[in-house]
Amino acid sequence: MTDSLFDQAVAHADGYRDIEPKQLSEHADTARLVDVREPEEYLGELGHIQGTALVPLATVSAASSGWDRQQDIIVICRSGARSGRAAKALVELGFTRVMNMKGGMLAWNQAGLAVKRVP
């Protein structure tokens, strides 16, 4: 049996785990994908990952109130900084399987992975 994405992820001091874009691309259908950028960024030149929910950073606490606290959650932003803050906040709210995509959409695009863009 293969380890889950969460089990493969690298532990971070703030209680969440870091994953690489390639890891996410191989397991995107097994987790809740949360993009914490602003709407204009989500729809902008970097695009977004198919299946992500747009939940701007300032709204994460309120939006997550009905989420399953044991579900795998992967947080994404432009560079990995805001998503790291969101991941830490989710851990503080009691979520147990939170991951941050290192490098954000900049790294995702640099890796040449599929992006959804709005024309």
C-alpha atoms as a PDB file:
ATOM      1  CA  MET A   1       0.000   0.000   0.000  1.00  0.00           C
ATOM      2  CA  THR A   2       1.282   3.471  -0.885  1.00  0.00           C
ATOM      3  CA  ASP A   3       1.581   6.220   1.667  1.00  0.00           C
ATOM      4  CA  SER A   4      -0.978   8.992   1.362  1.00  0.00           C
ATOM      5  CA  LEU A   5       0.080  12.404   0.125  1.00  0.00           C
ATOM      6  CA  PHE A   6      -0.046  13.663   3.712  1.00  0.00           C
ATOM      7  CA  ASP A   7       2.274  10.861   4.828  1.00  0.00           C
ATOM      8  CA  GLN A   8       4.738  11.756   2.040  1.00  0.00           C
ATOM      9  CA  ALA A   9       4.692  15.484   2.870  1.00  0.00           C
ATOM     10  CA  VAL A  10       7.454  17.184   4.862  1.00  0.00           C
ATOM     11  CA  ALA A  11       6.510  18.250   8.395  1.00  0.00           C
ATOM     12  CA  HIS A  12       6.680  21.993   9.129  1.00  0.00           C
ATOM     13  CA  ALA A  13       7.300  23.523  12.567  1.00  0.00           C
ATOM     14  CA  ASP A  14       3.874  25.209  12.497  1.00  0.00           C
ATOM     15  CA  GLY A  15       2.024  21.874  12.430  1.00  0.00           C
ATOM     16  CA  TYR A  16       1.186  21.546   8.753  1.00  0.00           C
ATOM     17  CA  ARG A  17       3.167  19.768   6.041  1.00  0.00           C
ATOM     18  CA  ASP A  18       4.782  21.012   2.837  1.00  0.00           C
ATOM     19  CA  ILE A  19       4.323  19.352  -0.534  1.00  0.00           C
ATOM     20  CA  GLU A  20       5.858  19.968  -3.937  1.00  0.00           C
ATOM     21  CA  PRO A  21       3.718  20.934  -6.954  1.00  0.00           C
ATOM     22  CA  LYS A  22       4.479  17.617  -8.692  1.00  0.00           C
ATOM     23  CA  GLN A  23       3.239  15.685  -5.642  1.00  0.00           C
ATOM     24  CA  LEU A  24       0.008  17.656  -5.725  1.00  0.00           C
ATOM     25  CA  SER A  25      -0.443  17.107  -9.458  1.00  0.00           C
ATOM     26  CA  GLU A  26      -0.334  13.352  -8.857  1.00  0.00           C
ATOM     27  CA  HIS A  27      -2.861  13.444  -5.965  1.00  0.00           C
ATOM     28  CA  ALA A  28      -5.059  16.478  -6.688  1.00  0.00           C
ATOM     29  CA  ASP A  29      -8.253  14.428  -6.633  1.00  0.00           C
ATOM     30  CA  THR A  30      -7.700  13.101  -3.101  1.00  0.00           C
ATOM     31  CA  ALA A  31      -7.893  16.347  -1.123  1.00  0.00           C
ATOM     32  CA  ARG A  32      -9.720  19.630  -0.683  1.00  0.00           C
ATOM     33  CA  LEU A  33      -7.777  22.228  -2.712  1.00  0.00           C
ATOM     34  CA  VAL A  34      -7.997  25.755  -1.313  1.00  0.00           C
ATOM     35  CA  ASP A  35      -6.538  28.756  -3.164  1.00  0.00           C
ATOM     36  CA  VAL A  36      -6.130  31.681  -0.742  1.00  0.00           C
ATOM     37  CA  ARG A  37      -5.260  34.383  -3.275  1.00  0.00           C
ATOM     38  CA  GLU A  38      -7.540  37.295  -4.116  1.00  0.00           C
ATOM     39  CA  PRO A  39     -10.077  36.844  -6.957  1.00  0.00           C
ATOM     40  CA  GLU A  40      -8.087  38.938  -9.449  1.00  0.00           C
ATOM     41  CA  GLU A  41      -5.017  36.745  -8.828  1.00  0.00           C
ATOM     42  CA  TYR A  42      -7.017  33.516  -9.108  1.00  0.00           C
ATOM     43  CA  LEU A  43      -8.322  34.658 -12.490  1.00  0.00           C
ATOM     44  CA  GLY A  44      -5.044  36.352 -13.479  1.00  0.00           C
ATOM     45  CA  GLU A  45      -1.987  35.426 -15.496  1.00  0.00           C
ATOM     46  CA  LEU A  46      -0.791  32.563 -13.253  1.00  0.00           C
ATOM     47  CA  GLY A  47      -4.189  30.908 -13.502  1.00  0.00           C
ATOM     48  CA  HIS A  48      -5.363  28.345 -10.988  1.00  0.00           C
ATOM     49  CA  ILE A  49      -5.431  24.587 -10.511  1.00  0.00           C
ATOM     50  CA  GLN A  50      -8.549  22.834 -11.766  1.00  0.00           C
ATOM     51  CA  GLY A  51     -10.779  21.916  -8.836  1.00  0.00           C
ATOM     52  CA  THR A  52      -9.518  24.534  -6.390  1.00  0.00           C
ATOM     53  CA  ALA A  53     -11.918  26.546  -4.277  1.00  0.00           C
ATOM     54  CA  LEU A  54     -11.178  30.257  -4.046  1.00  0.00           C
ATOM     55  CA  VAL A  55     -11.088  31.194  -0.350  1.00  0.00           C
ATOM     56  CA  PRO A  56      -9.144  34.464   0.095  1.00  0.00           C
ATOM     57  CA  LEU A  57      -6.820  34.406   3.103  1.00  0.00           C
ATOM     58  CA  ALA A  58      -8.931  36.843   5.131  1.00  0.00           C
ATOM     59  CA  THR A  59     -11.935  34.503   4.863  1.00  0.00           C
ATOM     60  CA  VAL A  60     -10.286  31.142   5.640  1.00  0.00           C
ATOM     61  CA  SER A  61     -11.407  30.907   9.282  1.00  0.00           C
ATOM     62  CA  ALA A  62     -15.053  31.626   8.480  1.00  0.00           C
ATOM     63  CA  ALA A  63     -15.127  29.511   5.298  1.00  0.00           C
ATOM     64  CA  SER A  64     -13.591  26.489   7.017  1.00  0.00           C
ATOM     65  CA  SER A  65     -16.172  26.285   9.799  1.00  0.00           C
ATOM     66  CA  GLY A  66     -18.102  23.497   8.045  1.00  0.00           C
ATOM     67  CA  TRP A  67     -15.141  21.544   6.687  1.00  0.00           C
ATOM     68  CA  ASP A  68     -14.164  18.068   7.894  1.00  0.00           C
ATOM     69  CA  ARG A  69     -11.232  18.573  10.260  1.00  0.00           C
ATOM     70  CA  GLN A  70      -9.737  15.156   9.353  1.00  0.00           C
ATOM     71  CA  GLN A  71      -9.857  15.663   5.575  1.00  0.00           C
ATOM     72  CA  ASP A  72      -6.651  16.299   3.603  1.00  0.00           C
ATOM     73  CA  ILE A  73      -6.553  20.022   2.830  1.00  0.00           C
ATOM     74  CA  ILE A  74      -3.995  21.553   0.496  1.00  0.00           C
ATOM     75  CA  VAL A  75      -3.561  25.311   0.601  1.00  0.00           C
ATOM     76  CA  ILE A  76      -2.233  27.212  -2.427  1.00  0.00           C
ATOM     77  CA  CYS A  77      -1.278  30.838  -3.151  1.00  0.00           C
ATOM     78  CA  ARG A  78       1.067  32.756  -5.457  1.00  0.00           C
ATOM     79  CA  SER A  79       4.408  31.896  -3.819  1.00  0.00           C
ATOM     80  CA  GLY A  80       3.662  29.735  -0.760  1.00  0.00           C
ATOM     81  CA  ALA A  81       3.792  32.480   1.886  1.00  0.00           C
ATOM     82  CA  ARG A  82       0.081  33.268   2.281  1.00  0.00           C
ATOM     83  CA  SER A  83      -0.830  29.611   1.980  1.00  0.00           C
ATOM     84  CA  GLY A  84       1.646  28.896   4.790  1.00  0.00           C
ATOM     85  CA  ARG A  85      -0.158  31.431   6.973  1.00  0.00           C
ATOM     86  CA  ALA A  86      -3.521  29.885   6.034  1.00  0.00           C
ATOM     87  CA  ALA A  87      -2.195  26.379   6.751  1.00  0.00           C
ATOM     88  CA  LYS A  88      -0.989  27.476  10.186  1.00  0.00           C
ATOM     89  CA  ALA A  89      -4.382  29.073  10.902  1.00  0.00           C
ATOM     90  CA  LEU A  90      -6.193  25.864   9.906  1.00  0.00           C
ATOM     91  CA  VAL A  91      -3.966  23.802  12.208  1.00  0.00           C
ATOM     92  CA  GLU A  92      -4.762  26.241  15.034  1.00  0.00           C
ATOM     93  CA  LEU A  93      -8.472  25.698  14.275  1.00  0.00           C
ATOM     94  CA  GLY A  94      -8.071  21.951  14.816  1.00  0.00           C
ATOM     95  CA  PHE A  95      -7.514  20.659  11.281  1.00  0.00           C
ATOM     96  CA  THR A  96      -5.200  17.663  11.400  1.00  0.00           C
ATOM     97  CA  ARG A  97      -4.179  16.984   7.766  1.00  0.00           C
ATOM     98  CA  VAL A  98      -3.191  20.376   6.357  1.00  0.00           C
ATOM     99  CA  MET A  99      -0.610  20.796   3.603  1.00  0.00           C
ATOM    100  CA  ASN A 100       0.960  23.843   1.963  1.00  0.00           C
ATOM    101  CA  MET A 101       2.075  23.726  -1.673  1.00  0.00           C
ATOM    102  CA  LYS A 102       5.655  25.018  -1.614  1.00  0.00           C
ATOM    103  CA  GLY A 103       6.379  27.759  -4.118  1.00  0.00           C
ATOM    104  CA  GLY A 104       2.707  28.349  -4.902  1.00  0.00           C
ATOM    105  CA  MET A 105       1.425  28.951  -8.400  1.00  0.00           C
ATOM    106  CA  LEU A 106       4.815  30.351  -9.413  1.00  0.00           C
ATOM    107  CA  ALA A 107       6.364  26.907  -8.836  1.00  0.00           C
ATOM    108  CA  TRP A 108       3.344  25.110 -10.347  1.00  0.00           C
ATOM    109  CA  ASN A 109       3.679  27.139 -13.557  1.00  0.00           C
ATOM    110  CA  GLN A 110       7.462  26.751 -13.595  1.00  0.00           C
ATOM    111  CA  ALA A 111       6.983  22.968 -13.434  1.00  0.00           C
ATOM    112  CA  GLY A 112       4.785  23.175 -16.541  1.00  0.00           C
ATOM    113  CA  LEU A 113       1.757  21.659 -14.829  1.00  0.00           C
ATOM    114  CA  ALA A 114      -1.817  22.139 -16.098  1.00  0.00           C
ATOM    115  CA  VAL A 115      -3.369  25.515 -15.332  1.00  0.00           C
ATOM    116  CA  LYS A 116      -6.875  26.786 -15.825  1.00  0.00           C
ATOM    117  CA  ARG A 117      -7.010  30.327 -17.180  1.00  0.00           C
ATOM    118  CA  VAL A 118      -9.994  32.504 -17.856  1.00  0.00           C
ATOM    119  CA  PRO A 119      -9.822  34.111 -21.313  1.00  0.00           C
END
